[in-house]
C-alpha cells in the first residue's frame, strides 16, 4: 500500500500600486503588491491568506516593513 500526499501552494497577484517613499538601497520607486496565497492538500484548500509585499522597481529587491 502506497500513500502519496500532494501539497501545493498557489500565489496569485491581485493588484499593484505605488507605495510612498524610496528604496533605502538605490533610491528607486517602491511598489506594493497584494498577493493571495492558498495551500492545498490533495486539491482541497486548507489555508488562504492575502499578503502585501513591497519591492523596488530599480534593483528588484524585496523590502520588509519594520515597525
N, C-alpha and C. Protein backbone atom coordinates (compact mmCIF):
# COMPACT_ATOMS: atom_id res chain seq x y z
N UNK A 1 0.85 -1.17 0.00
CA UNK A 1 0.00 0.00 0.00
C UNK A 1 0.90 1.24 0.00
N UNK A 2 0.58 2.15 -0.87
CA UNK A 2 1.41 3.35 -1.02
C UNK A 2 0.51 4.58 -0.90
N UNK A 3 0.88 5.50 -0.01
CA UNK A 3 0.14 6.75 0.15
C UNK A 3 0.98 7.90 -0.39
N UNK A 4 0.36 8.71 -1.21
CA UNK A 4 1.04 9.86 -1.77
C UNK A 4 0.23 11.10 -1.43
N UNK A 5 0.86 12.04 -0.74
CA UNK A 5 0.20 13.30 -0.40
C UNK A 5 0.74 14.38 -1.32
N UNK A 6 -0.15 15.09 -1.93
CA UNK A 6 0.25 16.15 -2.83
C UNK A 6 -0.08 17.49 -2.19
N UNK A 7 0.95 18.26 -1.91
CA UNK A 7 0.77 19.59 -1.34
C UNK A 7 1.13 20.60 -2.41
N UNK A 8 0.39 21.70 -2.41
CA UNK A 8 0.61 22.72 -3.42
C UNK A 8 0.35 24.09 -2.81
N UNK A 9 1.19 25.06 -3.17
CA UNK A 9 0.96 26.44 -2.77
C UNK A 9 0.76 27.26 -4.04
N UNK A 10 -0.34 27.97 -4.08
CA UNK A 10 -0.67 28.78 -5.24
C UNK A 10 -0.66 30.25 -4.84
N UNK A 11 0.16 31.06 -5.51
CA UNK A 11 0.21 32.50 -5.25
C UNK A 11 -0.28 33.24 -6.49
N UNK A 12 -1.14 34.22 -6.25
CA UNK A 12 -1.71 34.98 -7.35
C UNK A 12 -1.65 36.46 -7.01
N UNK A 13 -1.20 37.28 -7.95
CA UNK A 13 -1.11 38.72 -7.75
C UNK A 13 -2.48 39.33 -7.99
N UNK A 14 -2.99 40.03 -6.97
CA UNK A 14 -4.32 40.64 -7.06
C UNK A 14 -4.22 42.07 -7.60
N UNK A 15 -3.26 42.84 -7.10
CA UNK A 15 -3.12 44.22 -7.55
C UNK A 15 -1.76 44.78 -7.20
N UNK A 16 -1.42 45.88 -7.87
CA UNK A 16 -0.16 46.58 -7.62
C UNK A 16 -0.44 48.07 -7.55
N UNK A 17 0.31 48.75 -6.69
CA UNK A 17 0.21 50.20 -6.62
C UNK A 17 1.52 50.77 -6.10
N UNK A 18 1.74 52.05 -6.35
CA UNK A 18 2.97 52.68 -5.91
C UNK A 18 2.86 53.00 -4.43
N UNK A 19 3.91 52.69 -3.69
CA UNK A 19 3.95 52.95 -2.25
C UNK A 19 4.73 54.24 -2.00
N UNK A 20 4.43 54.92 -0.89
CA UNK A 20 5.18 56.15 -0.58
C UNK A 20 6.61 55.82 -0.15
N UNK A 21 7.52 56.73 -0.43
CA UNK A 21 8.91 56.57 -0.02
C UNK A 21 9.80 56.12 -1.17
N UNK A 22 11.04 55.84 -0.82
CA UNK A 22 12.04 55.42 -1.80
C UNK A 22 12.82 54.23 -1.24
N UNK A 23 13.43 53.50 -2.12
CA UNK A 23 14.22 52.33 -1.72
C UNK A 23 15.45 52.80 -0.93
N UNK A 24 15.74 52.21 0.23
CA UNK A 24 16.91 52.63 1.01
C UNK A 24 18.24 52.21 0.39
N UNK A 25 18.22 51.28 -0.57
CA UNK A 25 19.46 50.80 -1.19
C UNK A 25 19.84 51.61 -2.42
N UNK A 26 18.86 51.92 -3.29
CA UNK A 26 19.20 52.59 -4.55
C UNK A 26 18.40 53.87 -4.79
N UNK A 27 17.37 54.15 -3.98
CA UNK A 27 16.56 55.36 -4.15
C UNK A 27 15.47 55.22 -5.19
N UNK A 28 15.17 54.00 -5.62
CA UNK A 28 14.15 53.76 -6.64
C UNK A 28 12.73 53.82 -6.09
N UNK A 29 11.77 53.68 -6.98
CA UNK A 29 10.36 53.71 -6.63
C UNK A 29 9.95 52.37 -6.01
N UNK A 30 9.13 52.42 -4.97
CA UNK A 30 8.67 51.21 -4.29
C UNK A 30 7.26 50.88 -4.77
N UNK A 31 7.04 49.61 -5.09
CA UNK A 31 5.72 49.12 -5.48
C UNK A 31 5.18 48.22 -4.38
N UNK A 32 3.88 48.34 -4.11
CA UNK A 32 3.20 47.45 -3.17
C UNK A 32 2.39 46.46 -3.98
N UNK A 33 2.53 45.19 -3.66
CA UNK A 33 1.87 44.13 -4.42
C UNK A 33 1.00 43.31 -3.47
N UNK A 34 -0.29 43.18 -3.77
CA UNK A 34 -1.20 42.35 -2.99
C UNK A 34 -1.19 40.94 -3.57
N UNK A 35 -0.87 39.95 -2.73
CA UNK A 35 -0.73 38.57 -3.17
C UNK A 35 -1.66 37.68 -2.37
N UNK A 36 -2.44 36.86 -3.05
CA UNK A 36 -3.27 35.85 -2.40
C UNK A 36 -2.52 34.53 -2.45
N UNK A 37 -2.37 33.88 -1.30
CA UNK A 37 -1.72 32.57 -1.27
C UNK A 37 -2.71 31.55 -0.73
N UNK A 38 -2.64 30.36 -1.29
CA UNK A 38 -3.56 29.30 -0.92
C UNK A 38 -2.80 27.98 -0.87
N UNK A 39 -2.86 27.29 0.27
CA UNK A 39 -2.26 25.96 0.42
C UNK A 39 -3.32 24.92 0.18
N UNK A 40 -2.94 23.87 -0.54
CA UNK A 40 -3.86 22.78 -0.84
C UNK A 40 -3.22 21.45 -0.51
N UNK A 41 -4.04 20.52 -0.05
CA UNK A 41 -3.63 19.15 0.19
C UNK A 41 -4.58 18.26 -0.58
N UNK A 42 -4.05 17.59 -1.58
CA UNK A 42 -4.87 16.74 -2.47
C UNK A 42 -6.04 17.53 -3.06
N UNK A 43 -5.75 18.71 -3.55
CA UNK A 43 -6.71 19.58 -4.22
C UNK A 43 -7.78 20.15 -3.31
N UNK A 44 -7.65 20.00 -2.00
CA UNK A 44 -8.58 20.59 -1.05
C UNK A 44 -7.92 21.80 -0.41
N UNK A 45 -8.54 22.97 -0.47
CA UNK A 45 -7.92 24.17 0.12
C UNK A 45 -7.88 24.08 1.64
N UNK A 46 -6.70 24.30 2.21
CA UNK A 46 -6.52 24.23 3.66
C UNK A 46 -6.31 25.61 4.27
N UNK A 47 -5.63 26.48 3.56
CA UNK A 47 -5.19 27.75 4.13
C UNK A 47 -5.29 28.83 3.06
N UNK A 48 -5.82 29.99 3.42
CA UNK A 48 -5.99 31.08 2.47
C UNK A 48 -5.63 32.39 3.16
N UNK A 49 -4.72 33.17 2.55
CA UNK A 49 -4.28 34.42 3.16
C UNK A 49 -3.92 35.43 2.08
N UNK A 50 -4.21 36.70 2.36
CA UNK A 50 -3.82 37.79 1.47
C UNK A 50 -2.71 38.58 2.16
N UNK A 51 -1.59 38.78 1.44
CA UNK A 51 -0.44 39.49 1.99
C UNK A 51 -0.12 40.69 1.10
N UNK A 52 0.58 41.66 1.66
CA UNK A 52 1.09 42.79 0.89
C UNK A 52 2.61 42.71 0.91
N UNK A 53 3.21 42.66 -0.27
CA UNK A 53 4.66 42.60 -0.40
C UNK A 53 5.16 43.87 -1.05
N UNK A 54 6.32 44.34 -0.62
CA UNK A 54 6.92 45.56 -1.15
C UNK A 54 8.21 45.20 -1.88
N UNK A 55 8.43 45.84 -3.04
CA UNK A 55 9.68 45.63 -3.75
C UNK A 55 10.06 46.88 -4.52
N UNK A 56 11.36 47.01 -4.81
CA UNK A 56 11.89 48.16 -5.54
C UNK A 56 11.83 47.86 -7.04
N UNK A 57 11.47 48.87 -7.83
CA UNK A 57 11.37 48.66 -9.28
C UNK A 57 12.73 48.75 -9.97
N UNK A 58 13.72 49.41 -9.35
CA UNK A 58 15.04 49.53 -9.99
C UNK A 58 15.96 48.35 -9.67
N UNK A 59 16.12 48.04 -8.38
CA UNK A 59 17.06 46.97 -8.02
C UNK A 59 16.35 45.63 -7.77
N UNK A 60 15.03 45.59 -7.84
CA UNK A 60 14.21 44.36 -7.70
C UNK A 60 14.40 43.67 -6.36
N UNK A 61 14.77 44.41 -5.33
CA UNK A 61 14.89 43.81 -4.00
C UNK A 61 13.54 43.78 -3.32
N UNK A 62 13.31 42.75 -2.57
CA UNK A 62 12.09 42.67 -1.76
C UNK A 62 12.36 43.41 -0.47
N UNK A 63 11.49 44.33 -0.12
CA UNK A 63 11.68 45.16 1.07
C UNK A 63 10.76 44.66 2.17
N UNK A 64 11.25 44.69 3.40
CA UNK A 64 10.49 44.24 4.55
C UNK A 64 10.17 45.45 5.41
N UNK A 65 8.91 45.61 5.74
CA UNK A 65 8.43 46.71 6.54
C UNK A 65 8.68 46.40 8.01
N UNK A 66 9.42 47.28 8.69
CA UNK A 66 9.69 47.10 10.12
C UNK A 66 8.93 48.14 10.90
N UNK A 67 8.32 47.70 12.00
CA UNK A 67 7.51 48.61 12.81
C UNK A 67 8.33 49.26 13.88
